[in-house]
Amino acid sequence: MNFEKLDVWKRAVKLSAEIYKTTSQLNDYAFRSQLTRSGLSVPSNIAEGVCRDSFKEKSRFIDIARASLAEARTQIYIGSEVGYIEREVALSWIAESKELAAMLTSLKNRFDSEI
């Protein structure tokens, strides 16, 4: 399986890049760093997981990607509440993160069925 062909990976890359671009001028370095790192972790763990040999490892890395996505979504909610992220942007990212989470769950279930 080639991770670069997976829609979930492509969309996670796009979301991560949007997070980087949108928060690049944010003065709260700690918040920006935490959000960009959790966003970056999602496609990175998808890629790493898909490239693993065993289905157990594949599943574990997809689980890590899902957890990072939940972390990023939480930070998006907080960023919106404190005015760091425009409400419309936050709502768009939250919706995308929920769709990505469902896609990751489906991929994880696929790997789990092979264990």
N, C-alpha and C. Protein backbone atom coordinates (compact mmCIF):
# COMPACT_ATOMS: atom_id res chain seq x y z
N MET A 1 0.86 -1.18 0.00
CA MET A 1 0.00 0.00 0.00
C MET A 1 0.90 1.24 0.00
N ASN A 2 0.62 2.14 -0.89
CA ASN A 2 1.38 3.37 -1.01
C ASN A 2 0.63 4.49 -0.28
N PHE A 3 1.23 5.01 0.79
CA PHE A 3 0.55 6.04 1.59
C PHE A 3 0.23 7.28 0.77
N GLU A 4 1.04 7.59 -0.22
CA GLU A 4 0.84 8.79 -1.03
C GLU A 4 -0.42 8.72 -1.89
N LYS A 5 -0.98 7.54 -2.04
CA LYS A 5 -2.20 7.38 -2.82
C LYS A 5 -3.46 7.40 -1.94
N LEU A 6 -3.28 7.40 -0.63
CA LEU A 6 -4.41 7.38 0.29
C LEU A 6 -5.03 8.78 0.42
N ASP A 7 -6.34 8.86 0.21
CA ASP A 7 -7.04 10.14 0.37
C ASP A 7 -6.89 10.70 1.77
N VAL A 8 -6.92 9.81 2.77
CA VAL A 8 -6.81 10.28 4.16
C VAL A 8 -5.45 10.94 4.39
N TRP A 9 -4.39 10.40 3.79
CA TRP A 9 -3.07 11.01 3.94
C TRP A 9 -3.02 12.36 3.22
N LYS A 10 -3.54 12.40 1.99
CA LYS A 10 -3.54 13.65 1.22
C LYS A 10 -4.29 14.75 1.95
N ARG A 11 -5.44 14.40 2.48
CA ARG A 11 -6.25 15.40 3.18
C ARG A 11 -5.60 15.83 4.49
N ALA A 12 -4.93 14.91 5.18
CA ALA A 12 -4.22 15.25 6.42
C ALA A 12 -3.05 16.18 6.13
N VAL A 13 -2.36 15.94 5.02
CA VAL A 13 -1.26 16.83 4.61
C VAL A 13 -1.81 18.23 4.35
N LYS A 14 -2.93 18.29 3.64
CA LYS A 14 -3.54 19.59 3.32
C LYS A 14 -3.94 20.34 4.59
N LEU A 15 -4.57 19.63 5.53
CA LEU A 15 -4.97 20.27 6.78
C LEU A 15 -3.75 20.77 7.55
N SER A 16 -2.73 19.95 7.62
CA SER A 16 -1.51 20.35 8.32
C SER A 16 -0.90 21.60 7.69
N ALA A 17 -0.85 21.64 6.37
CA ALA A 17 -0.30 22.81 5.68
C ALA A 17 -1.15 24.05 5.93
N GLU A 18 -2.47 23.89 5.94
CA GLU A 18 -3.36 25.02 6.23
C GLU A 18 -3.13 25.55 7.64
N ILE A 19 -2.94 24.64 8.57
CA ILE A 19 -2.67 25.06 9.95
C ILE A 19 -1.38 25.87 10.01
N TYR A 20 -0.34 25.36 9.35
CA TYR A 20 0.94 26.09 9.33
C TYR A 20 0.77 27.48 8.76
N LYS A 21 0.13 27.57 7.59
CA LYS A 21 -0.01 28.86 6.91
C LYS A 21 -0.86 29.84 7.73
N THR A 22 -1.96 29.35 8.25
CA THR A 22 -2.89 30.23 8.96
C THR A 22 -2.31 30.74 10.27
N THR A 23 -1.51 29.94 10.94
CA THR A 23 -0.99 30.34 12.25
C THR A 23 0.42 30.91 12.20
N SER A 24 0.97 31.07 11.01
CA SER A 24 2.38 31.48 10.89
C SER A 24 2.68 32.83 11.54
N GLN A 25 1.70 33.71 11.61
CA GLN A 25 1.92 35.03 12.20
C GLN A 25 1.47 35.12 13.66
N LEU A 26 1.02 34.01 14.20
CA LEU A 26 0.54 34.00 15.58
C LEU A 26 1.71 34.20 16.55
N ASN A 27 1.57 35.15 17.45
CA ASN A 27 2.65 35.48 18.37
C ASN A 27 2.79 34.52 19.54
N ASP A 28 1.77 33.74 19.82
CA ASP A 28 1.84 32.77 20.92
C ASP A 28 2.56 31.53 20.40
N TYR A 29 3.89 31.55 20.55
CA TYR A 29 4.71 30.48 19.98
C TYR A 29 4.35 29.11 20.55
N ALA A 30 4.11 29.04 21.84
CA ALA A 30 3.83 27.74 22.47
C ALA A 30 2.55 27.13 21.89
N PHE A 31 1.52 27.94 21.75
CA PHE A 31 0.27 27.44 21.18
C PHE A 31 0.46 27.03 19.73
N ARG A 32 1.07 27.91 18.96
CA ARG A 32 1.30 27.63 17.53
C ARG A 32 2.13 26.37 17.35
N SER A 33 3.16 26.22 18.14
CA SER A 33 4.03 25.04 18.04
C SER A 33 3.27 23.77 18.37
N GLN A 34 2.49 23.80 19.43
CA GLN A 34 1.73 22.61 19.84
C GLN A 34 0.72 22.22 18.76
N LEU A 35 0.02 23.19 18.21
CA LEU A 35 -0.98 22.91 17.18
C LEU A 35 -0.32 22.40 15.90
N THR A 36 0.74 23.05 15.47
CA THR A 36 1.38 22.60 14.23
C THR A 36 2.02 21.23 14.40
N ARG A 37 2.57 20.94 15.58
CA ARG A 37 3.17 19.62 15.80
C ARG A 37 2.11 18.53 15.82
N SER A 38 0.97 18.78 16.46
CA SER A 38 -0.07 17.74 16.46
C SER A 38 -0.64 17.57 15.06
N GLY A 39 -0.80 18.66 14.31
CA GLY A 39 -1.28 18.56 12.94
C GLY A 39 -0.30 17.82 12.04
N LEU A 40 0.97 18.08 12.22
CA LEU A 40 2.02 17.42 11.43
C LEU A 40 2.11 15.94 11.75
N SER A 41 1.80 15.59 12.97
CA SER A 41 1.89 14.20 13.41
C SER A 41 0.90 13.29 12.68
N VAL A 42 -0.23 13.84 12.26
CA VAL A 42 -1.28 13.02 11.65
C VAL A 42 -0.80 12.38 10.34
N PRO A 43 -0.45 13.16 9.31
CA PRO A 43 -0.01 12.51 8.08
C PRO A 43 1.31 11.75 8.25
N SER A 44 2.15 12.21 9.15
CA SER A 44 3.43 11.53 9.38
C SER A 44 3.21 10.12 9.93
N ASN A 45 2.29 9.99 10.89
CA ASN A 45 2.01 8.67 11.46
C ASN A 45 1.24 7.77 10.50
N ILE A 46 0.41 8.36 9.64
CA ILE A 46 -0.25 7.56 8.61
C ILE A 46 0.82 6.96 7.70
N ALA A 47 1.74 7.79 7.24
CA ALA A 47 2.80 7.32 6.34
C ALA A 47 3.65 6.25 7.02
N GLU A 48 4.06 6.52 8.24
CA GLU A 48 4.90 5.55 8.95
C GLU A 48 4.16 4.24 9.18
N GLY A 49 2.90 4.33 9.56
CA GLY A 49 2.13 3.12 9.82
C GLY A 49 1.92 2.27 8.58
N VAL A 50 1.55 2.90 7.50
CA VAL A 50 1.29 2.16 6.27
C VAL A 50 2.56 1.46 5.78
N CYS A 51 3.70 2.03 6.07
CA CYS A 51 4.97 1.43 5.62
C CYS A 51 5.49 0.34 6.55
N ARG A 52 4.85 0.13 7.68
CA ARG A 52 5.28 -0.92 8.61
C ARG A 52 4.93 -2.29 8.03
N ASP A 53 5.66 -3.30 8.48
CA ASP A 53 5.47 -4.65 7.94
C ASP A 53 4.26 -5.37 8.52
N SER A 54 4.08 -5.30 9.83
CA SER A 54 3.00 -6.07 10.44
C SER A 54 1.72 -5.24 10.52
N PHE A 55 0.59 -5.94 10.43
CA PHE A 55 -0.70 -5.25 10.55
C PHE A 55 -0.88 -4.68 11.95
N LYS A 56 -0.30 -5.33 12.96
CA LYS A 56 -0.38 -4.82 14.33
C LYS A 56 0.31 -3.46 14.42
N GLU A 57 1.49 -3.33 13.82
CA GLU A 57 2.19 -2.05 13.82
C GLU A 57 1.44 -1.01 13.00
N LYS A 58 0.92 -1.42 11.85
CA LYS A 58 0.15 -0.49 11.01
C LYS A 58 -1.00 0.09 11.82
N SER A 59 -1.73 -0.79 12.50
CA SER A 59 -2.87 -0.37 13.30
C SER A 59 -2.45 0.58 14.42
N ARG A 60 -1.34 0.28 15.06
CA ARG A 60 -0.86 1.12 16.17
C ARG A 60 -0.55 2.54 15.70
N PHE A 61 0.10 2.67 14.55
CA PHE A 61 0.45 4.01 14.05
C PHE A 61 -0.79 4.78 13.58
N ILE A 62 -1.77 4.08 13.04
CA ILE A 62 -3.02 4.75 12.66
C ILE A 62 -3.73 5.22 13.93
N ASP A 63 -3.65 4.44 15.00
CA ASP A 63 -4.21 4.85 16.28
C ASP A 63 -3.52 6.11 16.80
N ILE A 64 -2.21 6.18 16.65
CA ILE A 64 -1.45 7.37 17.07
C ILE A 64 -1.89 8.57 16.23
N ALA A 65 -2.09 8.36 14.93
CA ALA A 65 -2.55 9.45 14.06
C ALA A 65 -3.92 9.96 14.51
N ARG A 66 -4.82 9.03 14.87
CA ARG A 66 -6.14 9.43 15.36
C ARG A 66 -6.03 10.25 16.65
N ALA A 67 -5.14 9.83 17.54
CA ALA A 67 -4.96 10.56 18.80
C ALA A 67 -4.40 11.96 18.54
N SER A 68 -3.45 12.07 17.63
CA SER A 68 -2.89 13.38 17.29
C SER A 68 -3.96 14.27 16.66
N LEU A 69 -4.82 13.68 15.88
CA LEU A 69 -5.91 14.44 15.27
C LEU A 69 -6.87 14.96 16.34
N ALA A 70 -7.17 14.14 17.34
CA ALA A 70 -8.02 14.58 18.46
C ALA A 70 -7.35 15.72 19.22
N GLU A 71 -6.04 15.61 19.40
CA GLU A 71 -5.28 16.67 20.08
C GLU A 71 -5.37 17.97 19.27
N ALA A 72 -5.16 17.87 17.97
CA ALA A 72 -5.23 19.06 17.11
C ALA A 72 -6.62 19.67 17.14
N ARG A 73 -7.66 18.83 17.10
CA ARG A 73 -9.03 19.34 17.13
C ARG A 73 -9.29 20.10 18.43
N THR A 74 -8.81 19.57 19.54
CA THR A 74 -8.97 20.24 20.83
C THR A 74 -8.30 21.61 20.80
N GLN A 75 -7.11 21.67 20.25
CA GLN A 75 -6.38 22.94 20.17
C GLN A 75 -7.07 23.93 19.23
N ILE A 76 -7.71 23.41 18.18
CA ILE A 76 -8.47 24.27 17.28
C ILE A 76 -9.65 24.89 18.02
N TYR A 77 -10.35 24.08 18.80
CA TYR A 77 -11.45 24.61 19.62
C TYR A 77 -10.95 25.72 20.54
N ILE A 78 -9.84 25.46 21.21
CA ILE A 78 -9.29 26.45 22.14
C ILE A 78 -8.83 27.70 21.38
N GLY A 79 -8.14 27.49 20.27
CA GLY A 79 -7.68 28.62 19.47
C GLY A 79 -8.82 29.51 19.00
N SER A 80 -9.93 28.90 18.67
CA SER A 80 -11.11 29.66 18.27
C SER A 80 -11.68 30.44 19.45
N GLU A 81 -11.75 29.78 20.60
CA GLU A 81 -12.31 30.41 21.80
C GLU A 81 -11.51 31.64 22.25
N VAL A 82 -10.19 31.57 22.11
CA VAL A 82 -9.37 32.70 22.56
C VAL A 82 -9.10 33.71 21.45
N GLY A 83 -9.65 33.47 20.27
CA GLY A 83 -9.52 34.44 19.19
C GLY A 83 -8.28 34.28 18.32
N TYR A 84 -7.56 33.18 18.45
CA TYR A 84 -6.38 32.95 17.62
C TYR A 84 -6.74 32.46 16.22
N ILE A 85 -7.86 31.76 16.12
CA ILE A 85 -8.30 31.18 14.85
C ILE A 85 -9.71 31.70 14.58
N GLU A 86 -9.91 32.24 13.38
CA GLU A 86 -11.23 32.74 13.01
C GLU A 86 -12.24 31.60 13.09
N ARG A 87 -13.43 31.95 13.54
CA ARG A 87 -14.49 30.96 13.77
C ARG A 87 -14.77 30.11 12.53
N GLU A 88 -14.88 30.73 11.38
CA GLU A 88 -15.20 29.99 10.15
C GLU A 88 -14.09 29.01 9.80
N VAL A 89 -12.86 29.43 9.98
CA VAL A 89 -11.71 28.56 9.71
C VAL A 89 -11.73 27.40 10.70
N ALA A 90 -11.93 27.71 11.96
CA ALA A 90 -11.97 26.66 12.99
C ALA A 90 -13.06 25.64 12.69
N LEU A 91 -14.25 26.11 12.33
CA LEU A 91 -15.35 25.19 12.03
C LEU A 91 -15.01 24.29 10.84
N SER A 92 -14.35 24.86 9.85
CA SER A 92 -13.93 24.08 8.68
C SER A 92 -12.91 23.01 9.07
N TRP A 93 -11.93 23.39 9.87
CA TRP A 93 -10.91 22.44 10.31
C TRP A 93 -11.51 21.36 11.20
N ILE A 94 -12.45 21.74 12.06
CA ILE A 94 -13.09 20.76 12.94
C ILE A 94 -13.86 19.74 12.11
N ALA A 95 -14.61 20.23 11.13
CA ALA A 95 -15.37 19.32 10.26
C ALA A 95 -14.42 18.38 9.51
N GLU A 96 -13.34 18.93 8.99
CA GLU A 96 -12.37 18.09 8.28
C GLU A 96 -11.74 17.09 9.21
N SER A 97 -11.42 17.49 10.43
CA SER A 97 -10.80 16.56 11.38
C SER A 97 -11.74 15.42 11.73
N LYS A 98 -13.03 15.70 11.81
CA LYS A 98 -14.00 14.64 12.10
C LYS A 98 -14.09 13.65 10.93
N GLU A 99 -14.06 14.16 9.71
CA GLU A 99 -14.07 13.27 8.54
C GLU A 99 -12.79 12.44 8.49
N LEU A 100 -11.66 13.07 8.77
CA LEU A 100 -10.39 12.34 8.78
C LEU A 100 -10.40 11.27 9.86
N ALA A 101 -10.96 11.57 11.01
CA ALA A 101 -11.03 10.59 12.10
C ALA A 101 -11.83 9.37 11.67
N ALA A 102 -12.93 9.60 10.98
CA ALA A 102 -13.74 8.48 10.49
C ALA A 102 -12.96 7.65 9.47
N MET A 103 -12.23 8.33 8.61
CA MET A 103 -11.42 7.63 7.61
C MET A 103 -10.32 6.81 8.28
N LEU A 104 -9.70 7.37 9.30
CA LEU A 104 -8.65 6.65 10.03
C LEU A 104 -9.21 5.45 10.77
N THR A 105 -10.39 5.60 11.34
CA THR A 105 -11.03 4.47 12.02
C THR A 105 -11.28 3.34 11.03
N SER A 106 -11.73 3.68 9.85
CA SER A 106 -11.98 2.67 8.82
C SER A 106 -10.68 1.97 8.41
N LEU A 107 -9.62 2.75 8.25
CA LEU A 107 -8.32 2.18 7.88
C LEU A 107 -7.80 1.28 9.00
N LYS A 108 -7.94 1.73 10.25
CA LYS A 108 -7.50 0.93 11.39
C LYS A 108 -8.28 -0.39 11.45
N ASN A 109 -9.58 -0.32 11.25
CA ASN A 109 -10.40 -1.53 11.25
C ASN A 109 -9.96 -2.50 10.16
N ARG A 110 -9.58 -1.96 9.04
CA ARG A 110 -9.07 -2.80 7.93
C ARG A 110 -7.80 -3.53 8.36
N PHE A 111 -6.90 -2.82 9.01
CA PHE A 111 -5.66 -3.45 9.48
C PHE A 111 -5.95 -4.44 10.60
N ASP A 112 -6.84 -4.06 11.52
CA ASP A 112 -7.19 -4.94 12.64
C ASP A 112 -7.78 -6.25 12.17
N SER A 113 -8.52 -6.22 11.07
CA SER A 113 -9.14 -7.45 10.57
C SER A 113 -8.11 -8.44 10.01
N GLU A 114 -6.89 -7.94 9.79
CA GLU A 114 -5.81 -8.78 9.26
C GLU A 114 -4.94 -9.37 10.36
N ILE A 115 -5.14 -8.89 11.59
CA ILE A 115 -4.29 -9.37 12.71
C ILE A 115 -4.71 -10.76 13.12
